[in-house]
């Protein structure tokens, strides 16, 4: 027995059943059954997308918490290098002499 499409089933019932009421009932059953598969596919797609959404929402929430912790943590800030005459060139600073006008 070959697998038939929805249209082929409807045509087969239309040709083989003479009673109009039975024919209509069978055609309605086929139509409802075929539409049910569409709902099943849509439901599985919805479940998959909902799962991905929940995963992304969780990751977003984790990132927000990490970002907040970065600013509210009690860790001491990194110490800045001390500027002395010996290490001025090594930290990229240049010594500049200015003359104050009041001294003139």
Protein backbone atom coordinates (compact mmCIF):
# COMPACT_ATOMS: atom_id res chain seq x y z
CA UNK A 1 0.00 0.00 0.00
CA UNK A 2 1.48 3.33 -1.06
CA UNK A 3 1.50 6.43 1.02
CA UNK A 4 -1.05 8.93 -0.29
CA UNK A 5 -1.16 12.67 -0.02
CA UNK A 6 -4.06 14.53 1.53
CA UNK A 7 -5.51 15.42 -1.86
CA UNK A 8 -5.23 11.83 -3.11
CA UNK A 9 -7.08 10.54 -0.02
CA UNK A 10 -9.83 13.09 -0.44
CA UNK A 11 -10.23 12.20 -4.12
CA UNK A 12 -10.29 8.46 -3.32
CA UNK A 13 -13.03 8.93 -0.72
CA UNK A 14 -15.01 11.18 -3.03
CA UNK A 15 -14.94 8.50 -5.75
CA UNK A 16 -15.56 5.44 -3.56
CA UNK A 17 -18.24 6.54 -1.06
CA UNK A 18 -21.71 7.22 -2.38
CA UNK A 19 -23.41 8.34 0.83
CA UNK A 20 -23.00 12.13 1.01
CA UNK A 21 -23.12 12.31 4.84
CA UNK A 22 -20.44 9.61 5.22
CA UNK A 23 -18.36 11.27 2.51
CA UNK A 24 -18.48 14.64 4.29
CA UNK A 25 -17.65 13.04 7.65
CA UNK A 26 -14.66 11.20 6.18
CA UNK A 27 -13.39 14.31 4.39
CA UNK A 28 -13.69 16.33 7.63
CA UNK A 29 -11.76 13.63 9.51
CA UNK A 30 -8.98 13.65 6.94
CA UNK A 31 -8.81 17.43 6.95
CA UNK A 32 -8.64 17.56 10.75
CA UNK A 33 -6.05 14.78 10.92
CA UNK A 34 -3.78 16.44 8.39
CA UNK A 35 -4.05 19.80 10.15
CA UNK A 36 -3.12 18.10 13.44
CA UNK A 37 0.31 17.20 12.05
CA UNK A 38 0.89 20.86 11.28
CA UNK A 39 0.06 21.75 14.90
CA UNK A 40 2.44 19.06 16.15
CA UNK A 41 5.29 20.46 14.05
CA UNK A 42 4.52 23.99 15.19
CA UNK A 43 4.39 22.84 18.83
CA UNK A 44 7.80 21.14 18.58
CA UNK A 45 9.27 24.22 16.88
CA UNK A 46 7.78 26.42 19.61
CA UNK A 47 9.24 24.20 22.33
CA UNK A 48 12.67 24.34 20.68
CA UNK A 49 12.58 28.13 20.36
CA UNK A 50 11.32 28.50 23.93
CA UNK A 51 14.23 26.40 25.17
CA UNK A 52 16.74 28.54 23.27
CA UNK A 53 15.08 31.70 24.59
CA UNK A 54 15.32 30.46 28.17
CA UNK A 55 19.01 29.58 27.70
CA UNK A 56 19.78 33.04 26.30
CA UNK A 57 17.81 34.72 29.08
CA UNK A 58 19.82 32.80 31.67
CA UNK A 59 23.12 33.75 30.00
CA UNK A 60 22.03 37.41 29.82
CA UNK A 61 21.13 37.39 33.50
CA UNK A 62 24.52 35.86 34.38
CA UNK A 63 26.31 38.54 32.38
CA UNK A 64 24.34 41.27 34.13
CA UNK A 65 25.28 39.85 37.52
CA UNK A 66 28.96 39.61 36.59
CA UNK A 67 28.90 43.20 35.36
CA UNK A 68 27.31 44.41 38.61
CA UNK A 69 29.80 42.45 40.69
CA UNK A 70 32.61 44.13 38.82
CA UNK A 71 31.57 47.50 40.22
CA UNK A 72 30.29 46.49 43.63
CA UNK A 73 33.04 44.08 44.62
CA UNK A 74 35.20 44.93 47.65
CA UNK A 75 38.44 44.21 45.83
CA UNK A 76 41.03 46.96 46.01
CA UNK A 77 41.71 48.70 42.71
CA UNK A 78 44.89 47.85 40.90
CA UNK A 79 47.85 49.82 42.21
CA UNK A 80 49.24 52.37 39.80
CA UNK A 81 52.98 52.42 39.21
CA UNK A 82 54.82 55.00 41.25
CA UNK A 83 56.35 57.76 39.18
CA UNK A 84 59.98 58.45 39.98
CA UNK A 85 62.87 59.82 37.98
CA UNK A 86 64.18 56.31 37.31
CA UNK A 87 61.07 54.82 35.74
CA UNK A 88 59.58 57.80 33.87
CA UNK A 89 60.68 56.49 30.49
CA UNK A 90 59.59 52.92 31.24
CA UNK A 91 55.96 53.90 31.94
CA UNK A 92 55.75 56.24 28.95
CA UNK A 93 55.78 59.62 30.67
CA UNK A 94 57.89 62.54 29.58
CA UNK A 95 59.22 65.16 31.95
CA UNK A 96 58.27 68.71 30.93
CA UNK A 97 59.47 71.92 32.59
CA UNK A 98 57.09 74.85 32.78
CA UNK A 99 57.91 78.40 33.85
CA UNK A 100 55.38 80.12 36.05
CA UNK A 101 54.69 83.72 34.97
CA UNK A 102 54.59 84.86 38.61
CA UNK A 103 58.24 83.85 39.00
CA UNK A 104 59.38 86.30 36.32
